[in-house]
Amino acid sequence: MNYYALTDTAIEQELGRRLRQRRLQKNLTQQELAGATALSVNSVKALEAGKGKLATLIAILRELAALDQLDQFLPDPGISPMQLARDQGRKRQRATGHRRKATTDDGAW
């Protein structure tokens, strides 16, 4: 599917449709899913309609055993080569700790 050709609303509706399909594959009603996720039925309905919050999406994905799909949805970019180059050679060797200033017998530093 070419998501770039779709509007944001169309993408939200597609995600909602897919969540609904996943729920039905698990043979759960909206009421059962809402109860299992401690969400309201209206929250589940809103998400399936393409309107909802990220917290709601996460709770539902957790209950549908689909959290592992997030890596495919938005992969972790890892550390960039530029960041690795900047950090090269700057590995900490020891902790600084608290330093005390030494005084001479006459009180001078």
PDB file of N, CA and C in Angstrom:
ATOM      1  N   MET A   1       0.844  -1.170   0.000  1.00  0.00           N
ATOM      2  CA  MET A   1       0.000   0.000   0.000  1.00  0.00           C
ATOM      3  C   MET A   1       0.893   1.237   0.000  1.00  0.00           C
ATOM      4  N   ASN A   2       0.556   2.183  -0.823  1.00  0.00           N
ATOM      5  CA  ASN A   2       1.310   3.434  -0.891  1.00  0.00           C
ATOM      6  C   ASN A   2       0.692   4.445   0.076  1.00  0.00           C
ATOM      7  N   TYR A   3       1.241   4.497   1.281  1.00  0.00           N
ATOM      8  CA  TYR A   3       0.688   5.390   2.303  1.00  0.00           C
ATOM      9  C   TYR A   3       0.907   6.855   1.967  1.00  0.00           C
ATOM     10  N   TYR A   4       1.911   7.156   1.166  1.00  0.00           N
ATOM     11  CA  TYR A   4       2.175   8.547   0.796  1.00  0.00           C
ATOM     12  C   TYR A   4       1.071   9.114  -0.087  1.00  0.00           C
ATOM     13  N   ALA A   5       0.339   8.262  -0.765  1.00  0.00           N
ATOM     14  CA  ALA A   5      -0.747   8.714  -1.624  1.00  0.00           C
ATOM     15  C   ALA A   5      -2.034   8.939  -0.836  1.00  0.00           C
ATOM     16  N   LEU A   6      -2.058   8.502   0.424  1.00  0.00           N
ATOM     17  CA  LEU A   6      -3.254   8.624   1.258  1.00  0.00           C
ATOM     18  C   LEU A   6      -3.197   9.869   2.131  1.00  0.00           C
ATOM     19  N   THR A   7      -4.348  10.359   2.494  1.00  0.00           N
ATOM     20  CA  THR A   7      -4.414  11.459   3.455  1.00  0.00           C
ATOM     21  C   THR A   7      -4.170  10.885   4.855  1.00  0.00           C
ATOM     22  N   ASP A   8      -3.890  11.762   5.804  1.00  0.00           N
ATOM     23  CA  ASP A   8      -3.704  11.318   7.193  1.00  0.00           C
ATOM     24  C   ASP A   8      -4.957  10.610   7.691  1.00  0.00           C
ATOM     25  N   THR A   9      -6.121  11.148   7.366  1.00  0.00           N
ATOM     26  CA  THR A   9      -7.384  10.551   7.792  1.00  0.00           C
ATOM     27  C   THR A   9      -7.545   9.155   7.210  1.00  0.00           C
ATOM     28  N   ALA A  10      -7.178   8.983   5.949  1.00  0.00           N
ATOM     29  CA  ALA A  10      -7.288   7.675   5.312  1.00  0.00           C
ATOM     30  C   ALA A  10      -6.351   6.668   5.969  1.00  0.00           C
ATOM     31  N   ILE A  11      -5.153   7.107   6.356  1.00  0.00           N
ATOM     32  CA  ILE A  11      -4.213   6.216   7.042  1.00  0.00           C
ATOM     33  C   ILE A  11      -4.760   5.826   8.408  1.00  0.00           C
ATOM     34  N   GLU A  12      -5.321   6.796   9.146  1.00  0.00           N
ATOM     35  CA  GLU A  12      -5.917   6.506  10.447  1.00  0.00           C
ATOM     36  C   GLU A  12      -7.037   5.489  10.306  1.00  0.00           C
ATOM     37  N   GLN A  13      -7.853   5.646   9.276  1.00  0.00           N
ATOM     38  CA  GLN A  13      -8.955   4.714   9.054  1.00  0.00           C
ATOM     39  C   GLN A  13      -8.433   3.327   8.699  1.00  0.00           C
ATOM     40  N   GLU A  14      -7.356   3.263   7.928  1.00  0.00           N
ATOM     41  CA  GLU A  14      -6.756   1.976   7.571  1.00  0.00           C
ATOM     42  C   GLU A  14      -6.201   1.282   8.809  1.00  0.00           C
ATOM     43  N   LEU A  15      -5.528   2.026   9.675  1.00  0.00           N
ATOM     44  CA  LEU A  15      -5.016   1.445  10.919  1.00  0.00           C
ATOM     45  C   LEU A  15      -6.167   0.936  11.788  1.00  0.00           C
ATOM     46  N   GLY A  16      -7.220   1.715  11.867  1.00  0.00           N
ATOM     47  CA  GLY A  16      -8.396   1.302  12.629  1.00  0.00           C
ATOM     48  C   GLY A  16      -9.020   0.036  12.072  1.00  0.00           C
ATOM     49  N   ARG A  17      -9.084  -0.048  10.751  1.00  0.00           N
ATOM     50  CA  ARG A  17      -9.641  -1.237  10.094  1.00  0.00           C
ATOM     51  C   ARG A  17      -8.781  -2.465  10.411  1.00  0.00           C
ATOM     52  N   ARG A  18      -7.477  -2.280  10.387  1.00  0.00           N
ATOM     53  CA  ARG A  18      -6.577  -3.402  10.673  1.00  0.00           C
ATOM     54  C   ARG A  18      -6.676  -3.841  12.132  1.00  0.00           C
ATOM     55  N   LEU A  19      -6.809  -2.876  13.043  1.00  0.00           N
ATOM     56  CA  LEU A  19      -6.997  -3.233  14.450  1.00  0.00           C
ATOM     57  C   LEU A  19      -8.289  -4.016  14.644  1.00  0.00           C
ATOM     58  N   ARG A  20      -9.339  -3.572  13.966  1.00  0.00           N
ATOM     59  CA  ARG A  20     -10.622  -4.275  14.053  1.00  0.00           C
ATOM     60  C   ARG A  20     -10.469  -5.697  13.543  1.00  0.00           C
ATOM     61  N   GLN A  21      -9.782  -5.884  12.415  1.00  0.00           N
ATOM     62  CA  GLN A  21      -9.559  -7.230  11.876  1.00  0.00           C
ATOM     63  C   GLN A  21      -8.794  -8.094  12.872  1.00  0.00           C
ATOM     64  N   ARG A  22      -7.783  -7.527  13.491  1.00  0.00           N
ATOM     65  CA  ARG A  22      -6.977  -8.277  14.466  1.00  0.00           C
ATOM     66  C   ARG A  22      -7.841  -8.683  15.653  1.00  0.00           C
ATOM     67  N   ARG A  23      -8.674  -7.767  16.110  1.00  0.00           N
ATOM     68  CA  ARG A  23      -9.569  -8.069  17.242  1.00  0.00           C
ATOM     69  C   ARG A  23     -10.515  -9.207  16.869  1.00  0.00           C
ATOM     70  N   LEU A  24     -11.069  -9.153  15.675  1.00  0.00           N
ATOM     71  CA  LEU A  24     -11.992 -10.193  15.240  1.00  0.00           C
ATOM     72  C   LEU A  24     -11.278 -11.529  15.053  1.00  0.00           C
ATOM     73  N   GLN A  25     -10.024 -11.507  14.596  1.00  0.00           N
ATOM     74  CA  GLN A  25      -9.252 -12.753  14.479  1.00  0.00           C
ATOM     75  C   GLN A  25      -9.053 -13.396  15.841  1.00  0.00           C
ATOM     76  N   LYS A  26      -8.922 -12.555  16.875  1.00  0.00           N
ATOM     77  CA  LYS A  26      -8.771 -13.055  18.245  1.00  0.00           C
ATOM     78  C   LYS A  26     -10.124 -13.423  18.854  1.00  0.00           C
ATOM     79  N   ASN A  27     -11.198 -13.229  18.077  1.00  0.00           N
ATOM     80  CA  ASN A  27     -12.560 -13.536  18.493  1.00  0.00           C
ATOM     81  C   ASN A  27     -12.967 -12.774  19.755  1.00  0.00           C
ATOM     82  N   LEU A  28     -12.643 -11.484  19.782  1.00  0.00           N
ATOM     83  CA  LEU A  28     -12.988 -10.620  20.908  1.00  0.00           C
ATOM     84  C   LEU A  28     -14.012  -9.584  20.471  1.00  0.00           C
ATOM     85  N   THR A  29     -14.974  -9.312  21.335  1.00  0.00           N
ATOM     86  CA  THR A  29     -15.888  -8.203  21.084  1.00  0.00           C
ATOM     87  C   THR A  29     -15.211  -6.917  21.530  1.00  0.00           C
ATOM     88  N   GLN A  30     -15.759  -5.792  21.126  1.00  0.00           N
ATOM     89  CA  GLN A  30     -15.216  -4.511  21.583  1.00  0.00           C
ATOM     90  C   GLN A  30     -15.324  -4.416  23.105  1.00  0.00           C
ATOM     91  N   GLN A  31     -16.409  -4.923  23.651  1.00  0.00           N
ATOM     92  CA  GLN A  31     -16.619  -4.903  25.101  1.00  0.00           C
ATOM     93  C   GLN A  31     -15.558  -5.743  25.810  1.00  0.00           C
ATOM     94  N   GLU A  32     -15.259  -6.928  25.296  1.00  0.00           N
ATOM     95  CA  GLU A  32     -14.251  -7.791  25.905  1.00  0.00           C
ATOM     96  C   GLU A  32     -12.860  -7.157  25.835  1.00  0.00           C
ATOM     97  N   LEU A  33     -12.537  -6.559  24.688  1.00  0.00           N
ATOM     98  CA  LEU A  33     -11.245  -5.905  24.538  1.00  0.00           C
ATOM     99  C   LEU A  33     -11.132  -4.709  25.474  1.00  0.00           C
ATOM    100  N   ALA A  34     -12.212  -3.948  25.586  1.00  0.00           N
ATOM    101  CA  ALA A  34     -12.211  -2.799  26.490  1.00  0.00           C
ATOM    102  C   ALA A  34     -11.999  -3.249  27.930  1.00  0.00           C
ATOM    103  N   GLY A  35     -12.667  -4.306  28.337  1.00  0.00           N
ATOM    104  CA  GLY A  35     -12.508  -4.822  29.696  1.00  0.00           C
ATOM    105  C   GLY A  35     -11.111  -5.338  29.963  1.00  0.00           C
ATOM    106  N   ALA A  36     -10.519  -5.999  28.982  1.00  0.00           N
ATOM    107  CA  ALA A  36      -9.180  -6.570  29.153  1.00  0.00           C
ATOM    108  C   ALA A  36      -8.095  -5.505  29.187  1.00  0.00           C
ATOM    109  N   THR A  37      -8.367  -4.353  28.599  1.00  0.00           N
ATOM    110  CA  THR A  37      -7.368  -3.284  28.545  1.00  0.00           C
ATOM    111  C   THR A  37      -7.660  -2.148  29.508  1.00  0.00           C
ATOM    112  N   ALA A  38      -8.735  -2.267  30.275  1.00  0.00           N
ATOM    113  CA  ALA A  38      -9.165  -1.216  31.204  1.00  0.00           C
ATOM    114  C   ALA A  38      -9.467   0.084  30.479  1.00  0.00           C
ATOM    115  N   LEU A  39      -9.947  -0.033  29.246  1.00  0.00           N
ATOM    116  CA  LEU A  39     -10.362   1.127  28.461  1.00  0.00           C
ATOM    117  C   LEU A  39     -11.875   1.105  28.330  1.00  0.00           C
ATOM    118  N   SER A  40     -12.432   2.213  27.915  1.00  0.00           N
ATOM    119  CA  SER A  40     -13.865   2.244  27.671  1.00  0.00           C
ATOM    120  C   SER A  40     -14.151   1.664  26.286  1.00  0.00           C
ATOM    121  N   VAL A  41     -15.365   1.198  26.104  1.00  0.00           N
ATOM    122  CA  VAL A  41     -15.782   0.691  24.798  1.00  0.00           C
ATOM    123  C   VAL A  41     -15.688   1.812  23.774  1.00  0.00           C
ATOM    124  N   ASN A  42     -16.001   3.031  24.196  1.00  0.00           N
ATOM    125  CA  ASN A  42     -15.921   4.173  23.276  1.00  0.00           C
ATOM    126  C   ASN A  42     -14.486   4.415  22.801  1.00  0.00           C
ATOM    127  N   SER A  43     -13.491   4.161  23.652  1.00  0.00           N
ATOM    128  CA  SER A  43     -12.099   4.308  23.249  1.00  0.00           C
ATOM    129  C   SER A  43     -11.738   3.289  22.172  1.00  0.00           C
ATOM    130  N   VAL A  44     -12.194   2.057  22.356  1.00  0.00           N
ATOM    131  CA  VAL A  44     -11.943   1.008  21.363  1.00  0.00           C
ATOM    132  C   VAL A  44     -12.634   1.367  20.051  1.00  0.00           C
ATOM    133  N   LYS A  45     -13.879   1.797  20.144  1.00  0.00           N
ATOM    134  CA  LYS A  45     -14.631   2.185  18.940  1.00  0.00           C
ATOM    135  C   LYS A  45     -13.945   3.338  18.221  1.00  0.00           C
ATOM    136  N   ALA A  46     -13.488   4.321  18.986  1.00  0.00           N
ATOM    137  CA  ALA A  46     -12.837   5.487  18.379  1.00  0.00           C
ATOM    138  C   ALA A  46     -11.563   5.070  17.650  1.00  0.00           C
ATOM    139  N   LEU A  47     -10.778   4.210  18.254  1.00  0.00           N
ATOM    140  CA  LEU A  47      -9.544   3.769  17.616  1.00  0.00           C
ATOM    141  C   LEU A  47      -9.837   2.986  16.338  1.00  0.00           C
ATOM    142  N   GLU A  48     -10.829   2.138  16.385  1.00  0.00           N
ATOM    143  CA  GLU A  48     -11.194   1.368  15.196  1.00  0.00           C
ATOM    144  C   GLU A  48     -11.790   2.263  14.113  1.00  0.00           C
ATOM    145  N   ALA A  49     -12.291   3.425  14.496  1.00  0.00           N
ATOM    146  CA  ALA A  49     -12.829   4.380  13.531  1.00  0.00           C
ATOM    147  C   ALA A  49     -11.748   5.306  12.991  1.00  0.00           C
ATOM    148  N   GLY A  50     -10.513   5.120  13.466  1.00  0.00           N
ATOM    149  CA  GLY A  50      -9.416   5.958  12.992  1.00  0.00           C
ATOM    150  C   GLY A  50      -9.227   7.214  13.806  1.00  0.00           C
ATOM    151  N   LYS A  51      -9.832   7.250  14.971  1.00  0.00           N
ATOM    152  CA  LYS A  51      -9.682   8.393  15.873  1.00  0.00           C
ATOM    153  C   LYS A  51      -9.342   7.825  17.246  1.00  0.00           C
ATOM    154  N   GLY A  52      -8.239   8.227  17.778  1.00  0.00           N
ATOM    155  CA  GLY A  52      -7.865   7.687  19.079  1.00  0.00           C
ATOM    156  C   GLY A  52      -6.534   8.231  19.522  1.00  0.00           C
ATOM    157  N   LYS A  53      -6.116   7.790  20.689  1.00  0.00           N
ATOM    158  CA  LYS A  53      -4.866   8.257  21.287  1.00  0.00           C
ATOM    159  C   LYS A  53      -3.818   7.151  21.212  1.00  0.00           C
ATOM    160  N   LEU A  54      -2.549   7.546  21.249  1.00  0.00           N
ATOM    161  CA  LEU A  54      -1.462   6.571  21.210  1.00  0.00           C
ATOM    162  C   LEU A  54      -1.509   5.628  22.406  1.00  0.00           C
ATOM    163  N   ALA A  55      -1.855   6.126  23.576  1.00  0.00           N
ATOM    164  CA  ALA A  55      -1.926   5.273  24.763  1.00  0.00           C
ATOM    165  C   ALA A  55      -2.980   4.182  24.574  1.00  0.00           C
ATOM    166  N   THR A  56      -4.072   4.535  23.924  1.00  0.00           N
ATOM    167  CA  THR A  56      -5.119   3.560  23.640  1.00  0.00           C
ATOM    168  C   THR A  56      -4.601   2.510  22.668  1.00  0.00           C
ATOM    169  N   LEU A  57      -3.898   2.960  21.642  1.00  0.00           N
ATOM    170  CA  LEU A  57      -3.330   2.043  20.660  1.00  0.00           C
ATOM    171  C   LEU A  57      -2.371   1.057  21.324  1.00  0.00           C
ATOM    172  N   ILE A  58      -1.512   1.545  22.198  1.00  0.00           N
ATOM    173  CA  ILE A  58      -0.540   0.679  22.873  1.00  0.00           C
ATOM    174  C   ILE A  58      -1.244  -0.357  23.743  1.00  0.00           C
ATOM    175  N   ALA A  59      -2.245   0.069  24.487  1.00  0.00           N
ATOM    176  CA  ALA A  59      -2.975  -0.860  25.355  1.00  0.00           C
ATOM    177  C   ALA A  59      -3.652  -1.951  24.532  1.00  0.00           C
ATOM    178  N   ILE A  60      -4.225  -1.574  23.402  1.00  0.00           N
ATOM    179  CA  ILE A  60      -4.915  -2.554  22.567  1.00  0.00           C
ATOM    180  C   ILE A  60      -3.913  -3.485  21.892  1.00  0.00           C
ATOM    181  N   LEU A  61      -2.808  -2.951  21.390  1.00  0.00           N
ATOM    182  CA  LEU A  61      -1.790  -3.810  20.783  1.00  0.00           C
ATOM    183  C   LEU A  61      -1.241  -4.804  21.798  1.00  0.00           C
ATOM    184  N   ARG A  62      -1.084  -4.362  23.040  1.00  0.00           N
ATOM    185  CA  ARG A  62      -0.598  -5.266  24.095  1.00  0.00           C
ATOM    186  C   ARG A  62      -1.585  -6.414  24.296  1.00  0.00           C
ATOM    187  N   GLU A  63      -2.858  -6.104  24.404  1.00  0.00           N
ATOM    188  CA  GLU A  63      -3.868  -7.129  24.646  1.00  0.00           C
ATOM    189  C   GLU A  63      -4.021  -8.068  23.450  1.00  0.00           C
ATOM    190  N   LEU A  64      -3.824  -7.560  22.238  1.00  0.00           N
ATOM    191  CA  LEU A  64      -3.943  -8.388  21.036  1.00  0.00           C
ATOM    192  C   LEU A  64      -2.640  -9.112  20.700  1.00  0.00           C
ATOM    193  N   ALA A  65      -1.672  -9.032  21.602  1.00  0.00           N
ATOM    194  CA  ALA A  65      -0.356  -9.672  21.413  1.00  0.00           C
ATOM    195  C   ALA A  65       0.272  -9.225  20.103  1.00  0.00           C
ATOM    196  N   ALA A  66       0.221  -7.913  19.852  1.00  0.00           N
ATOM    197  CA  ALA A  66       0.755  -7.378  18.602  1.00  0.00           C
ATOM    198  C   ALA A  66       1.800  -6.296  18.837  1.00  0.00           C
ATOM    199  N   LEU A  67       2.331  -6.171  20.046  1.00  0.00           N
ATOM    200  CA  LEU A  67       3.342  -5.150  20.316  1.00  0.00           C
ATOM    201  C   LEU A  67       4.613  -5.372  19.507  1.00  0.00           C
ATOM    202  N   ASP A  68       4.910  -6.640  19.204  1.00  0.00           N
ATOM    203  CA  ASP A  68       6.117  -6.916  18.426  1.00  0.00           C
ATOM    204  C   ASP A  68       6.026  -6.343  17.012  1.00  0.00           C
ATOM    205  N   GLN A  69       4.849  -6.000  16.575  1.00  0.00           N
ATOM    206  CA  GLN A  69       4.660  -5.412  15.255  1.00  0.00           C
ATOM    207  C   GLN A  69       5.152  -3.963  15.195  1.00  0.00           C
ATOM    208  N   LEU A  70       5.401  -3.359  16.349  1.00  0.00           N
ATOM    209  CA  LEU A  70       5.864  -1.973  16.369  1.00  0.00           C
ATOM    210  C   LEU A  70       7.229  -1.811  15.716  1.00  0.00           C
ATOM    211  N   ASP A  71       8.077  -2.836  15.803  1.00  0.00           N
ATOM    212  CA  ASP A  71       9.383  -2.754  15.148  1.00  0.00           C
ATOM    213  C   ASP A  71       9.243  -2.678  13.635  1.00  0.00           C
ATOM    214  N   GLN A  72       8.241  -3.322  13.109  1.00  0.00           N
ATOM    215  CA  GLN A  72       7.991  -3.229  11.676  1.00  0.00           C
ATOM    216  C   GLN A  72       7.318  -1.900  11.333  1.00  0.00           C
ATOM    217  N   PHE A  73       6.486  -1.439  12.245  1.00  0.00           N
ATOM    218  CA  PHE A  73       5.756  -0.189  12.042  1.00  0.00           C
ATOM    219  C   PHE A  73       6.696   1.013  12.039  1.00  0.00           C
ATOM    220  N   LEU A  74       7.571   1.065  13.008  1.00  0.00           N
ATOM    221  CA  LEU A  74       8.516   2.167  13.120  1.00  0.00           C
ATOM    222  C   LEU A  74       9.818   1.622  13.694  1.00  0.00           C
ATOM    223  N   PRO A  75      10.715   1.123  12.828  1.00  0.00           N
ATOM    224  CA  PRO A  75      11.947   0.495  13.314  1.00  0.00           C
ATOM    225  C   PRO A  75      12.834   1.472  14.083  1.00  0.00           C
ATOM    226  N   ASP A  76      13.577   0.915  15.050  1.00  0.00           N
ATOM    227  CA  ASP A  76      14.537   1.703  15.806  1.00  0.00           C
ATOM    228  C   ASP A  76      15.703   2.054  14.883  1.00  0.00           C
ATOM    229  N   PRO A  77      16.006   3.344  14.718  1.00  0.00           N
ATOM    230  CA  PRO A  77      17.080   3.722  13.797  1.00  0.00           C
ATOM    231  C   PRO A  77      18.473   3.403  14.325  1.00  0.00           C
ATOM    232  N   GLY A  78      18.613   3.127  15.608  1.00  0.00           N
ATOM    233  CA  GLY A  78      19.923   2.832  16.171  1.00  0.00           C
ATOM    234  C   GLY A  78      20.777   4.083  16.257  1.00  0.00           C
ATOM    235  N   ILE A  79      22.065   3.902  16.452  1.00  0.00           N
ATOM    236  CA  ILE A  79      22.991   5.026  16.552  1.00  0.00           C
ATOM    237  C   ILE A  79      23.483   5.357  15.148  1.00  0.00           C
ATOM    238  N   SER A  80      23.435   6.622  14.825  1.00  0.00           N
ATOM    239  CA  SER A  80      23.857   7.040  13.488  1.00  0.00           C
ATOM    240  C   SER A  80      25.379   6.956  13.354  1.00  0.00           C
ATOM    241  N   PRO A  81      25.873   6.750  12.137  1.00  0.00           N
ATOM    242  CA  PRO A  81      27.322   6.729  11.937  1.00  0.00           C
ATOM    243  C   PRO A  81      27.994   8.034  12.373  1.00  0.00           C
ATOM    244  N   MET A  82      27.291   9.150  12.224  1.00  0.00           N
ATOM    245  CA  MET A  82      27.850  10.442  12.652  1.00  0.00           C
ATOM    246  C   MET A  82      28.018  10.483  14.167  1.00  0.00           C
ATOM    247  N   GLN A  83      27.039   9.955  14.891  1.00  0.00           N
ATOM    248  CA  GLN A  83      27.135   9.929  16.354  1.00  0.00           C
ATOM    249  C   GLN A  83      28.272   9.015  16.796  1.00  0.00           C
ATOM    250  N   LEU A  84      28.405   7.878  16.123  1.00  0.00           N
ATOM    251  CA  LEU A  84      29.512   6.973  16.447  1.00  0.00           C
ATOM    252  C   LEU A  84      30.860   7.649  16.229  1.00  0.00           C
ATOM    253  N   ALA A  85      30.987   8.404  15.149  1.00  0.00           N
ATOM    254  CA  ALA A  85      32.245   9.097  14.854  1.00  0.00           C
ATOM    255  C   ALA A  85      32.533  10.160  15.909  1.00  0.00           C
ATOM    256  N   ARG A  86      31.495  10.893  16.344  1.00  0.00           N
ATOM    257  CA  ARG A  86      31.679  11.922  17.370  1.00  0.00           C
ATOM    258  C   ARG A  86      32.103  11.316  18.698  1.00  0.00           C
ATOM    259  N   ASP A  87      31.562  10.154  19.024  1.00  0.00           N
ATOM    260  CA  ASP A  87      31.857   9.518  20.307  1.00  0.00           C
ATOM    261  C   ASP A  87      33.172   8.748  20.296  1.00  0.00           C
ATOM    262  N   GLN A  88      33.735   8.523  19.143  1.00  0.00           N
ATOM    263  CA  GLN A  88      34.956   7.733  19.027  1.00  0.00           C
ATOM    264  C   GLN A  88      36.092   8.386  19.810  1.00  0.00           C
ATOM    265  N   GLY A  89      36.764   7.626  20.603  1.00  0.00           N
ATOM    266  CA  GLY A  89      37.924   8.119  21.331  1.00  0.00           C
ATOM    267  C   GLY A  89      37.594   8.877  22.599  1.00  0.00           C
ATOM    268  N   ARG A  90      36.331   8.980  22.964  1.00  0.00           N
ATOM    269  CA  ARG A  90      35.967   9.729  24.162  1.00  0.00           C
ATOM    270  C   ARG A  90      35.375   8.819  25.227  1.00  0.00           C
ATOM    271  N   LYS A  91      35.881   7.625  25.349  1.00  0.00           N
ATOM    272  CA  LYS A  91      35.357   6.712  26.351  1.00  0.00           C
ATOM    273  C   LYS A  91      35.919   7.082  27.712  1.00  0.00           C
ATOM    274  N   ARG A  92      35.067   7.134  28.674  1.00  0.00           N
ATOM    275  CA  ARG A  92      35.458   7.520  30.017  1.00  0.00           C
ATOM    276  C   ARG A  92      36.331   6.441  30.641  1.00  0.00           C
ATOM    277  N   GLN A  93      37.431   6.854  31.260  1.00  0.00           N
ATOM    278  CA  GLN A  93      38.374   5.930  31.875  1.00  0.00           C
ATOM    279  C   GLN A  93      38.153   5.780  33.375  1.00  0.00           C
ATOM    280  N   ARG A  94      37.704   6.849  34.032  1.00  0.00           N
ATOM    281  CA  ARG A  94      37.476   6.793  35.470  1.00  0.00           C
ATOM    282  C   ARG A  94      36.495   7.890  35.864  1.00  0.00           C
ATOM    283  N   ALA A  95      35.965   7.739  37.048  1.00  0.00           N
ATOM    284  CA  ALA A  95      35.044   8.741  37.583  1.00  0.00           C
ATOM    285  C   ALA A  95      35.829   9.898  38.172  1.00  0.00           C
ATOM    286  N   THR A  96      35.271  11.092  38.108  1.00  0.00           N
ATOM    287  CA  THR A  96      35.961  12.248  38.659  1.00  0.00           C
ATOM    288  C   THR A  96      35.842  12.297  40.169  1.00  0.00           C
ATOM    289  N   GLY A  97      34.701  11.947  40.700  1.00  0.00           N
ATOM    290  CA  GLY A  97      34.524  11.970  42.148  1.00  0.00           C
ATOM    291  C   GLY A  97      34.579  13.386  42.696  1.00  0.00           C
ATOM    292  N   HIS A  98      34.589  13.503  44.015  1.00  0.00           N
ATOM    293  CA  HIS A  98      34.671  14.814  44.666  1.00  0.00           C
ATOM    294  C   HIS A  98      36.133  15.138  44.927  1.00  0.00           C
ATOM    295  N   ARG A  99      36.524  16.292  44.529  1.00  0.00           N
ATOM    296  CA  ARG A  99      37.922  16.693  44.741  1.00  0.00           C
ATOM    297  C   ARG A  99      38.008  17.642  45.926  1.00  0.00           C
ATOM    298  N   ARG A 100      39.011  17.417  46.753  1.00  0.00           N
ATOM    299  CA  ARG A 100      39.265  18.319  47.874  1.00  0.00           C
ATOM    300  C   ARG A 100      40.488  19.136  47.535  1.00  0.00           C
ATOM    301  N   LYS A 101      40.400  20.407  47.869  1.00  0.00           N
ATOM    302  CA  LYS A 101      41.557  21.272  47.639  1.00  0.00           C
ATOM    303  C   LYS A 101      42.499  21.154  48.831  1.00  0.00           C
ATOM    304  N   ALA A 102      43.778  21.018  48.555  1.00  0.00           N
ATOM    305  CA  ALA A 102      44.783  20.915  49.630  1.00  0.00           C
ATOM    306  C   ALA A 102      45.153  22.311  50.106  1.00  0.00           C
ATOM    307  N   THR A 103      45.374  22.442  51.377  1.00  0.00           N
ATOM    308  CA  THR A 103      45.795  23.721  51.939  1.00  0.00           C
ATOM    309  C   THR A 103      47.213  23.579  52.484  1.00  0.00           C
ATOM    310  N   THR A 104      47.917  24.701  52.523  1.00  0.00           N
ATOM    311  CA  THR A 104      49.250  24.716  53.134  1.00  0.00           C
ATOM    312  C   THR A 104      49.080  25.042  54.606  1.00  0.00           C
ATOM    313  N   ASP A 105      50.152  24.948  55.367  1.00  0.00           N
ATOM    314  CA  ASP A 105      50.075  25.221  56.797  1.00  0.00           C
ATOM    315  C   ASP A 105      49.678  26.643  57.096  1.00  0.00           C
ATOM    316  N   ASP A 106      49.967  27.578  56.180  1.00  0.00           N
ATOM    317  CA  ASP A 106      49.625  28.975  56.467  1.00  0.00           C
ATOM    318  C   ASP A 106      48.230  29.330  55.973  1.00  0.00           C
ATOM    319  N   GLY A 107      47.451  28.323  55.495  1.00  0.00           N
ATOM    320  CA  GLY A 107      46.083  28.572  55.078  1.00  0.00           C
ATOM    321  C   GLY A 107      45.943  28.927  53.617  1.00  0.00           C
ATOM    322  N   ALA A 108      47.051  29.074  52.893  1.00  0.00           N
ATOM    323  CA  ALA A 108      46.965  29.416  51.473  1.00  0.00           C
ATOM    324  C   ALA A 108      46.667  28.164  50.645  1.00  0.00           C
ATOM    325  N   TRP A 109      46.077  28.368  49.513  1.00  0.00           N
ATOM    326  CA  TRP A 109      45.738  27.243  48.608  1.00  0.00           C
ATOM    327  C   TRP A 109      46.859  26.965  47.687  1.00  0.00           C
TER     328      TRP A 109
END
